[in-house]
Amino acid sequence: MAGVFEIAAAGDESYFFKLTAPDGTVVAVSPLFNTIKGAAAGITAVRENAATGLVVDRSARKAVTQSASKPAATSSSRPAPLLTSR
């Protein structure tokens, strides 16, 4: 089952959406929009960009570099995520 986008009112004239995972975990909450159409457009933008978006690590920790002669041991068969630092 896929996640669910929900649009909700935040006061009299503001709206937001949240993305909830199948297990009920809230994955993302949007900023406020002035209209329901604006919130729906935000959902469309997330759906179009999320699948192709890069992950950018803006944490304070230093990036770990790895020697090309020693590949990393992974416990997962999934490919590593794309990370960039800026």
PDB file of N, CA and C in Angstrom:
ATOM      1  N   MET A   1       0.837  -1.178   0.000  1.00  0.00           N
ATOM      2  CA  MET A   1       0.000   0.000   0.000  1.00  0.00           C
ATOM      3  C   MET A   1       0.882   1.240   0.000  1.00  0.00           C
ATOM      4  N   ALA A   2       0.496   2.240  -0.744  1.00  0.00           N
ATOM      5  CA  ALA A   2       1.252   3.485  -0.852  1.00  0.00           C
ATOM      6  C   ALA A   2       0.883   4.436   0.272  1.00  0.00           C
ATOM      7  N   GLY A   3       1.710   5.460   0.439  1.00  0.00           N
ATOM      8  CA  GLY A   3       1.415   6.509   1.409  1.00  0.00           C
ATOM      9  C   GLY A   3       0.178   7.288   0.993  1.00  0.00           C
ATOM     10  N   VAL A   4      -0.320   8.111   1.917  1.00  0.00           N
ATOM     11  CA  VAL A   4      -1.537   8.881   1.672  1.00  0.00           C
ATOM     12  C   VAL A   4      -1.255  10.359   1.908  1.00  0.00           C
ATOM     13  N   PHE A   5      -1.643  11.206   0.965  1.00  0.00           N
ATOM     14  CA  PHE A   5      -1.602  12.648   1.140  1.00  0.00           C
ATOM     15  C   PHE A   5      -2.949  13.078   1.694  1.00  0.00           C
ATOM     16  N   GLU A   6      -2.942  13.871   2.758  1.00  0.00           N
ATOM     17  CA  GLU A   6      -4.175  14.388   3.345  1.00  0.00           C
ATOM     18  C   GLU A   6      -4.095  15.911   3.379  1.00  0.00           C
ATOM     19  N   ILE A   7      -5.151  16.577   2.909  1.00  0.00           N
ATOM     20  CA  ILE A   7      -5.238  18.037   3.007  1.00  0.00           C
ATOM     21  C   ILE A   7      -6.125  18.348   4.203  1.00  0.00           C
ATOM     22  N   ALA A   8      -5.677  19.301   5.029  1.00  0.00           N
ATOM     23  CA  ALA A   8      -6.435  19.681   6.219  1.00  0.00           C
ATOM     24  C   ALA A   8      -6.452  21.205   6.352  1.00  0.00           C
ATOM     25  N   ALA A   9      -7.462  21.700   7.052  1.00  0.00           N
ATOM     26  CA  ALA A   9      -7.564  23.134   7.322  1.00  0.00           C
ATOM     27  C   ALA A   9      -6.721  23.474   8.539  1.00  0.00           C
ATOM     28  N   ALA A  10      -6.114  24.646   8.481  1.00  0.00           N
ATOM     29  CA  ALA A  10      -5.333  25.166   9.614  1.00  0.00           C
ATOM     30  C   ALA A  10      -5.870  26.566   9.896  1.00  0.00           C
ATOM     31  N   GLY A  11      -6.960  26.619  10.604  1.00  0.00           N
ATOM     32  CA  GLY A  11      -7.612  27.909  10.822  1.00  0.00           C
ATOM     33  C   GLY A  11      -8.681  28.133   9.770  1.00  0.00           C
ATOM     34  N   ASP A  12      -9.096  29.390   9.644  1.00  0.00           N
ATOM     35  CA  ASP A  12     -10.207  29.698   8.734  1.00  0.00           C
ATOM     36  C   ASP A  12      -9.809  29.759   7.268  1.00  0.00           C
ATOM     37  N   GLU A  13      -8.594  30.218   6.983  1.00  0.00           N
ATOM     38  CA  GLU A  13      -8.234  30.435   5.578  1.00  0.00           C
ATOM     39  C   GLU A  13      -6.873  29.880   5.208  1.00  0.00           C
ATOM     40  N   SER A  14      -6.417  28.866   5.887  1.00  0.00           N
ATOM     41  CA  SER A  14      -5.131  28.250   5.572  1.00  0.00           C
ATOM     42  C   SER A  14      -5.297  26.738   5.495  1.00  0.00           C
ATOM     43  N   TYR A  15      -4.468  26.139   4.647  1.00  0.00           N
ATOM     44  CA  TYR A  15      -4.529  24.697   4.434  1.00  0.00           C
ATOM     45  C   TYR A  15      -3.110  24.147   4.400  1.00  0.00           C
ATOM     46  N   PHE A  16      -2.968  22.886   4.734  1.00  0.00           N
ATOM     47  CA  PHE A  16      -1.689  22.203   4.644  1.00  0.00           C
ATOM     48  C   PHE A  16      -1.959  20.767   4.239  1.00  0.00           C
ATOM     49  N   PHE A  17      -0.905  20.075   3.847  1.00  0.00           N
ATOM     50  CA  PHE A  17      -1.063  18.650   3.589  1.00  0.00           C
ATOM     51  C   PHE A  17      -0.007  17.899   4.364  1.00  0.00           C
ATOM     52  N   LYS A  18      -0.294  16.645   4.620  1.00  0.00           N
ATOM     53  CA  LYS A  18       0.704  15.767   5.228  1.00  0.00           C
ATOM     54  C   LYS A  18       0.722  14.467   4.445  1.00  0.00           C
ATOM     55  N   LEU A  19       1.894  13.858   4.429  1.00  0.00           N
ATOM     56  CA  LEU A  19       2.081  12.560   3.789  1.00  0.00           C
ATOM     57  C   LEU A  19       2.251  11.545   4.897  1.00  0.00           C
ATOM     58  N   THR A  20       1.391  10.538   4.907  1.00  0.00           N
ATOM     59  CA  THR A  20       1.409   9.506   5.939  1.00  0.00           C
ATOM     60  C   THR A  20       1.755   8.165   5.308  1.00  0.00           C
ATOM     61  N   ALA A  21       2.707   7.455   5.913  1.00  0.00           N
ATOM     62  CA  ALA A  21       3.109   6.124   5.442  1.00  0.00           C
ATOM     63  C   ALA A  21       2.018   5.111   5.774  1.00  0.00           C
ATOM     64  N   PRO A  22       2.036   3.952   5.136  1.00  0.00           N
ATOM     65  CA  PRO A  22       1.022   2.924   5.401  1.00  0.00           C
ATOM     66  C   PRO A  22       0.921   2.512   6.872  1.00  0.00           C
ATOM     67  N   ASP A  23       2.022   2.617   7.617  1.00  0.00           N
ATOM     68  CA  ASP A  23       1.977   2.240   9.036  1.00  0.00           C
ATOM     69  C   ASP A  23       1.488   3.378   9.936  1.00  0.00           C
ATOM     70  N   GLY A  24       1.107   4.516   9.340  1.00  0.00           N
ATOM     71  CA  GLY A  24       0.584   5.634  10.108  1.00  0.00           C
ATOM     72  C   GLY A  24       1.613   6.697  10.466  1.00  0.00           C
ATOM     73  N   THR A  25       2.875   6.457  10.145  1.00  0.00           N
ATOM     74  CA  THR A  25       3.925   7.425  10.429  1.00  0.00           C
ATOM     75  C   THR A  25       3.776   8.639   9.517  1.00  0.00           C
ATOM     76  N   VAL A  26       3.793   9.836  10.110  1.00  0.00           N
ATOM     77  CA  VAL A  26       3.752  11.060   9.310  1.00  0.00           C
ATOM     78  C   VAL A  26       5.147  11.279   8.745  1.00  0.00           C
ATOM     79  N   VAL A  27       5.248  11.267   7.421  1.00  0.00           N
ATOM     80  CA  VAL A  27       6.523  11.374   6.735  1.00  0.00           C
ATOM     81  C   VAL A  27       6.873  12.828   6.435  1.00  0.00           C
ATOM     82  N   ALA A  28       5.877  13.636   6.096  1.00  0.00           N
ATOM     83  CA  ALA A  28       6.124  15.032   5.744  1.00  0.00           C
ATOM     84  C   ALA A  28       4.890  15.873   6.043  1.00  0.00           C
ATOM     85  N   VAL A  29       5.142  17.127   6.414  1.00  0.00           N
ATOM     86  CA  VAL A  29       4.072  18.098   6.620  1.00  0.00           C
ATOM     87  C   VAL A  29       4.451  19.341   5.829  1.00  0.00           C
ATOM     88  N   SER A  30       3.515  19.867   5.077  1.00  0.00           N
ATOM     89  CA  SER A  30       3.779  21.015   4.213  1.00  0.00           C
ATOM     90  C   SER A  30       3.720  22.327   4.980  1.00  0.00           C
ATOM     91  N   PRO A  31       4.193  23.390   4.340  1.00  0.00           N
ATOM     92  CA  PRO A  31       3.924  24.724   4.880  1.00  0.00           C
ATOM     93  C   PRO A  31       2.453  25.062   4.645  1.00  0.00           C
ATOM     94  N   LEU A  32       2.010  26.204   5.132  1.00  0.00           N
ATOM     95  CA  LEU A  32       0.615  26.608   4.941  1.00  0.00           C
ATOM     96  C   LEU A  32       0.390  27.185   3.553  1.00  0.00           C
ATOM     97  N   PHE A  33      -0.800  26.913   3.017  1.00  0.00           N
ATOM     98  CA  PHE A  33      -1.232  27.443   1.727  1.00  0.00           C
ATOM     99  C   PHE A  33      -2.498  28.261   1.958  1.00  0.00           C
ATOM    100  N   ASN A  34      -2.729  29.262   1.101  1.00  0.00           N
ATOM    101  CA  ASN A  34      -3.914  30.119   1.231  1.00  0.00           C
ATOM    102  C   ASN A  34      -5.174  29.450   0.700  1.00  0.00           C
ATOM    103  N   THR A  35      -5.014  28.466  -0.192  1.00  0.00           N
ATOM    104  CA  THR A  35      -6.173  27.820  -0.813  1.00  0.00           C
ATOM    105  C   THR A  35      -5.974  26.304  -0.850  1.00  0.00           C
ATOM    106  N   ILE A  36      -7.076  25.604  -1.016  1.00  0.00           N
ATOM    107  CA  ILE A  36      -6.993  24.148  -1.198  1.00  0.00           C
ATOM    108  C   ILE A  36      -6.282  23.843  -2.509  1.00  0.00           C
ATOM    109  N   LYS A  37      -6.540  24.660  -3.538  1.00  0.00           N
ATOM    110  CA  LYS A  37      -5.845  24.459  -4.819  1.00  0.00           C
ATOM    111  C   LYS A  37      -4.333  24.581  -4.649  1.00  0.00           C
ATOM    112  N   GLY A  38      -3.896  25.505  -3.811  1.00  0.00           N
ATOM    113  CA  GLY A  38      -2.467  25.653  -3.547  1.00  0.00           C
ATOM    114  C   GLY A  38      -1.893  24.413  -2.874  1.00  0.00           C
ATOM    115  N   ALA A  39      -2.626  23.869  -1.900  1.00  0.00           N
ATOM    116  CA  ALA A  39      -2.181  22.643  -1.232  1.00  0.00           C
ATOM    117  C   ALA A  39      -2.128  21.483  -2.224  1.00  0.00           C
ATOM    118  N   ALA A  40      -3.123  21.392  -3.094  1.00  0.00           N
ATOM    119  CA  ALA A  40      -3.142  20.328  -4.106  1.00  0.00           C
ATOM    120  C   ALA A  40      -1.969  20.485  -5.069  1.00  0.00           C
ATOM    121  N   ALA A  41      -1.631  21.721  -5.422  1.00  0.00           N
ATOM    122  CA  ALA A  41      -0.479  21.969  -6.300  1.00  0.00           C
ATOM    123  C   ALA A  41       0.814  21.562  -5.592  1.00  0.00           C
ATOM    124  N   GLY A  42       0.888  21.784  -4.280  1.00  0.00           N
ATOM    125  CA  GLY A  42       2.049  21.354  -3.509  1.00  0.00           C
ATOM    126  C   GLY A  42       2.205  19.850  -3.517  1.00  0.00           C
ATOM    127  N   ILE A  43       1.107  19.141  -3.392  1.00  0.00           N
ATOM    128  CA  ILE A  43       1.134  17.667  -3.463  1.00  0.00           C
ATOM    129  C   ILE A  43       1.636  17.221  -4.826  1.00  0.00           C
ATOM    130  N   THR A  44       1.138  17.849  -5.866  1.00  0.00           N
ATOM    131  CA  THR A  44       1.580  17.509  -7.227  1.00  0.00           C
ATOM    132  C   THR A  44       3.078  17.728  -7.366  1.00  0.00           C
ATOM    133  N   ALA A  45       3.582  18.841  -6.841  1.00  0.00           N
ATOM    134  CA  ALA A  45       5.013  19.129  -6.934  1.00  0.00           C
ATOM    135  C   ALA A  45       5.838  18.084  -6.186  1.00  0.00           C
ATOM    136  N   VAL A  46       5.384  17.680  -5.006  1.00  0.00           N
ATOM    137  CA  VAL A  46       6.104  16.655  -4.248  1.00  0.00           C
ATOM    138  C   VAL A  46       6.097  15.336  -5.017  1.00  0.00           C
ATOM    139  N   ARG A  47       4.963  14.966  -5.550  1.00  0.00           N
ATOM    140  CA  ARG A  47       4.871  13.692  -6.277  1.00  0.00           C
ATOM    141  C   ARG A  47       5.773  13.688  -7.504  1.00  0.00           C
ATOM    142  N   GLU A  48       5.887  14.819  -8.185  1.00  0.00           N
ATOM    143  CA  GLU A  48       6.711  14.894  -9.396  1.00  0.00           C
ATOM    144  C   GLU A  48       8.201  14.938  -9.087  1.00  0.00           C
ATOM    145  N   ASN A  49       8.586  15.542  -7.982  1.00  0.00           N
ATOM    146  CA  ASN A  49       9.999  15.753  -7.691  1.00  0.00           C
ATOM    147  C   ASN A  49      10.620  14.734  -6.744  1.00  0.00           C
ATOM    148  N   ALA A  50       9.842  14.097  -5.911  1.00  0.00           N
ATOM    149  CA  ALA A  50      10.405  13.217  -4.885  1.00  0.00           C
ATOM    150  C   ALA A  50      11.148  12.022  -5.468  1.00  0.00           C
ATOM    151  N   ALA A  51      10.637  11.438  -6.497  1.00  0.00           N
ATOM    152  CA  ALA A  51      11.237  10.221  -7.050  1.00  0.00           C
ATOM    153  C   ALA A  51      12.592  10.481  -7.690  1.00  0.00           C
ATOM    154  N   THR A  52      12.819  11.689  -8.159  1.00  0.00           N
ATOM    155  CA  THR A  52      14.071  11.985  -8.853  1.00  0.00           C
ATOM    156  C   THR A  52      14.981  12.912  -8.068  1.00  0.00           C
ATOM    157  N   GLY A  53      14.562  13.324  -6.880  1.00  0.00           N
ATOM    158  CA  GLY A  53      15.350  14.270  -6.098  1.00  0.00           C
ATOM    159  C   GLY A  53      16.586  13.634  -5.479  1.00  0.00           C
ATOM    160  N   LEU A  54      17.662  14.400  -5.443  1.00  0.00           N
ATOM    161  CA  LEU A  54      18.885  13.960  -4.787  1.00  0.00           C
ATOM    162  C   LEU A  54      18.765  14.204  -3.294  1.00  0.00           C
ATOM    163  N   VAL A  55      19.499  13.441  -2.528  1.00  0.00           N
ATOM    164  CA  VAL A  55      19.583  13.655  -1.094  1.00  0.00           C
ATOM    165  C   VAL A  55      20.824  14.500  -0.847  1.00  0.00           C
ATOM    166  N   VAL A  56      20.662  15.637  -0.189  1.00  0.00           N
ATOM    167  CA  VAL A  56      21.772  16.525   0.112  1.00  0.00           C
ATOM    168  C   VAL A  56      22.009  16.494   1.613  1.00  0.00           C
ATOM    169  N   ASP A  57      23.213  16.129   2.017  1.00  0.00           N
ATOM    170  CA  ASP A  57      23.568  16.040   3.423  1.00  0.00           C
ATOM    171  C   ASP A  57      24.091  17.402   3.887  1.00  0.00           C
ATOM    172  N   ARG A  58      23.291  18.109   4.659  1.00  0.00           N
ATOM    173  CA  ARG A  58      23.690  19.416   5.181  1.00  0.00           C
ATOM    174  C   ARG A  58      23.991  19.345   6.680  1.00  0.00           C
ATOM    175  N   SER A  59      24.268  18.149   7.156  1.00  0.00           N
ATOM    176  CA  SER A  59      24.584  17.990   8.576  1.00  0.00           C
ATOM    177  C   SER A  59      25.966  18.571   8.852  1.00  0.00           C
ATOM    178  N   ALA A  60      26.243  18.824  10.111  1.00  0.00           N
ATOM    179  CA  ALA A  60      27.504  19.450  10.499  1.00  0.00           C
ATOM    180  C   ALA A  60      28.668  18.472  10.481  1.00  0.00           C
ATOM    181  N   ARG A  61      28.374  17.186  10.497  1.00  0.00           N
ATOM    182  CA  ARG A  61      29.467  16.220  10.545  1.00  0.00           C
ATOM    183  C   ARG A  61      30.249  16.228   9.239  1.00  0.00           C
ATOM    184  N   LYS A  62      31.515  15.840   9.329  1.00  0.00           N
ATOM    185  CA  LYS A  62      32.363  15.798   8.147  1.00  0.00           C
ATOM    186  C   LYS A  62      32.005  14.583   7.309  1.00  0.00           C
ATOM    187  N   ALA A  63      32.100  14.737   6.009  1.00  0.00           N
ATOM    188  CA  ALA A  63      31.822  13.627   5.108  1.00  0.00           C
ATOM    189  C   ALA A  63      32.900  12.564   5.268  1.00  0.00           C
ATOM    190  N   VAL A  64      32.502  11.323   5.205  1.00  0.00           N
ATOM    191  CA  VAL A  64      33.435  10.210   5.304  1.00  0.00           C
ATOM    192  C   VAL A  64      33.804   9.792   3.898  1.00  0.00           C
ATOM    193  N   THR A  65      35.093   9.770   3.612  1.00  0.00           N
ATOM    194  CA  THR A  65      35.536   9.319   2.297  1.00  0.00           C
ATOM    195  C   THR A  65      36.033   7.898   2.421  1.00  0.00           C
ATOM    196  N   GLN A  66      35.956   7.180   1.330  1.00  0.00           N
ATOM    197  CA  GLN A  66      36.308   5.770   1.360  1.00  0.00           C
ATOM    198  C   GLN A  66      37.321   5.482   0.268  1.00  0.00           C
ATOM    199  N   SER A  67      38.261   4.657   0.575  1.00  0.00           N
ATOM    200  CA  SER A  67      39.279   4.278  -0.382  1.00  0.00           C
ATOM    201  C   SER A  67      38.658   3.461  -1.504  1.00  0.00           C
ATOM    202  N   ALA A  68      39.093   3.732  -2.716  1.00  0.00           N
ATOM    203  CA  ALA A  68      38.563   2.985  -3.862  1.00  0.00           C
ATOM    204  C   ALA A  68      39.001   1.526  -3.825  1.00  0.00           C
ATOM    205  N   SER A  69      40.116   1.238  -3.122  1.00  0.00           N
ATOM    206  CA  SER A  69      40.597  -0.141  -3.082  1.00  0.00           C
ATOM    207  C   SER A  69      39.848  -1.002  -2.071  1.00  0.00           C
ATOM    208  N   LYS A  70      39.084  -0.376  -1.169  1.00  0.00           N
ATOM    209  CA  LYS A  70      38.336  -1.127  -0.170  1.00  0.00           C
ATOM    210  C   LYS A  70      36.855  -0.797  -0.288  1.00  0.00           C
ATOM    211  N   PRO A  71      36.106  -1.577  -1.029  1.00  0.00           N
ATOM    212  CA  PRO A  71      34.674  -1.306  -1.137  1.00  0.00           C
ATOM    213  C   PRO A  71      33.978  -1.509   0.203  1.00  0.00           C
ATOM    214  N   ALA A  72      32.919  -0.774   0.410  1.00  0.00           N
ATOM    215  CA  ALA A  72      32.176  -0.858   1.669  1.00  0.00           C
ATOM    216  C   ALA A  72      31.419  -2.167   1.758  1.00  0.00           C
ATOM    217  N   ALA A  73      31.375  -2.718   2.948  1.00  0.00           N
ATOM    218  CA  ALA A  73      30.560  -3.902   3.194  1.00  0.00           C
ATOM    219  C   ALA A  73      29.153  -3.421   3.532  1.00  0.00           C
ATOM    220  N   THR A  74      28.174  -3.953   2.845  1.00  0.00           N
ATOM    221  CA  THR A  74      26.797  -3.542   3.109  1.00  0.00           C
ATOM    222  C   THR A  74      25.997  -4.741   3.550  1.00  0.00           C
ATOM    223  N   SER A  75      25.037  -4.473   4.420  1.00  0.00           N
ATOM    224  CA  SER A  75      24.178  -5.554   4.888  1.00  0.00           C
ATOM    225  C   SER A  75      22.870  -5.590   4.127  1.00  0.00           C
ATOM    226  N   SER A  76      22.764  -4.776   3.105  1.00  0.00           N
ATOM    227  CA  SER A  76      21.527  -4.687   2.349  1.00  0.00           C
ATOM    228  C   SER A  76      21.801  -4.922   0.874  1.00  0.00           C
ATOM    229  N   SER A  77      20.838  -5.470   0.194  1.00  0.00           N
ATOM    230  CA  SER A  77      20.997  -5.660  -1.243  1.00  0.00           C
ATOM    231  C   SER A  77      20.521  -4.435  -2.020  1.00  0.00           C
ATOM    232  N   ARG A  78      19.989  -3.437  -1.288  1.00  0.00           N
ATOM    233  CA  ARG A  78      19.532  -2.221  -1.958  1.00  0.00           C
ATOM    234  C   ARG A  78      20.723  -1.338  -2.283  1.00  0.00           C
ATOM    235  N   PRO A  79      20.635  -0.560  -3.386  1.00  0.00           N
ATOM    236  CA  PRO A  79      21.732   0.356  -3.697  1.00  0.00           C
ATOM    237  C   PRO A  79      21.791   1.479  -2.685  1.00  0.00           C
ATOM    238  N   ALA A  80      22.977   2.019  -2.481  1.00  0.00           N
ATOM    239  CA  ALA A  80      23.148   3.138  -1.551  1.00  0.00           C
ATOM    240  C   ALA A  80      22.430   4.371  -2.103  1.00  0.00           C
ATOM    241  N   PRO A  81      21.905   5.232  -1.223  1.00  0.00           N
ATOM    242  CA  PRO A  81      21.232   6.442  -1.695  1.00  0.00           C
ATOM    243  C   PRO A  81      22.249   7.418  -2.286  1.00  0.00           C
ATOM    244  N   LEU A  82      21.777   8.285  -3.150  1.00  0.00           N
ATOM    245  CA  LEU A  82      22.633   9.317  -3.741  1.00  0.00           C
ATOM    246  C   LEU A  82      22.757  10.446  -2.737  1.00  0.00           C
ATOM    247  N   LEU A  83      23.984  10.746  -2.326  1.00  0.00           N
ATOM    248  CA  LEU A  83      24.213  11.817  -1.369  1.00  0.00           C
ATOM    249  C   LEU A  83      25.133  12.847  -1.988  1.00  0.00           C
ATOM    250  N   THR A  84      24.805  14.101  -1.792  1.00  0.00           N
ATOM    251  CA  THR A  84      25.707  15.167  -2.212  1.00  0.00           C
ATOM    252  C   THR A  84      25.878  16.111  -1.040  1.00  0.00           C
ATOM    253  N   SER A  85      26.974  16.811  -0.988  1.00  0.00           N
ATOM    254  CA  SER A  85      27.217  17.808   0.058  1.00  0.00           C
ATOM    255  C   SER A  85      27.355  19.158  -0.608  1.00  0.00           C
ATOM    256  N   ARG A  86      26.724  20.139  -0.002  1.00  0.00           N
ATOM    257  CA  ARG A  86      26.815  21.502  -0.551  1.00  0.00           C
ATOM    258  C   ARG A  86      27.084  22.464   0.549  1.00  0.00           C
TER     259      ARG A  86
END
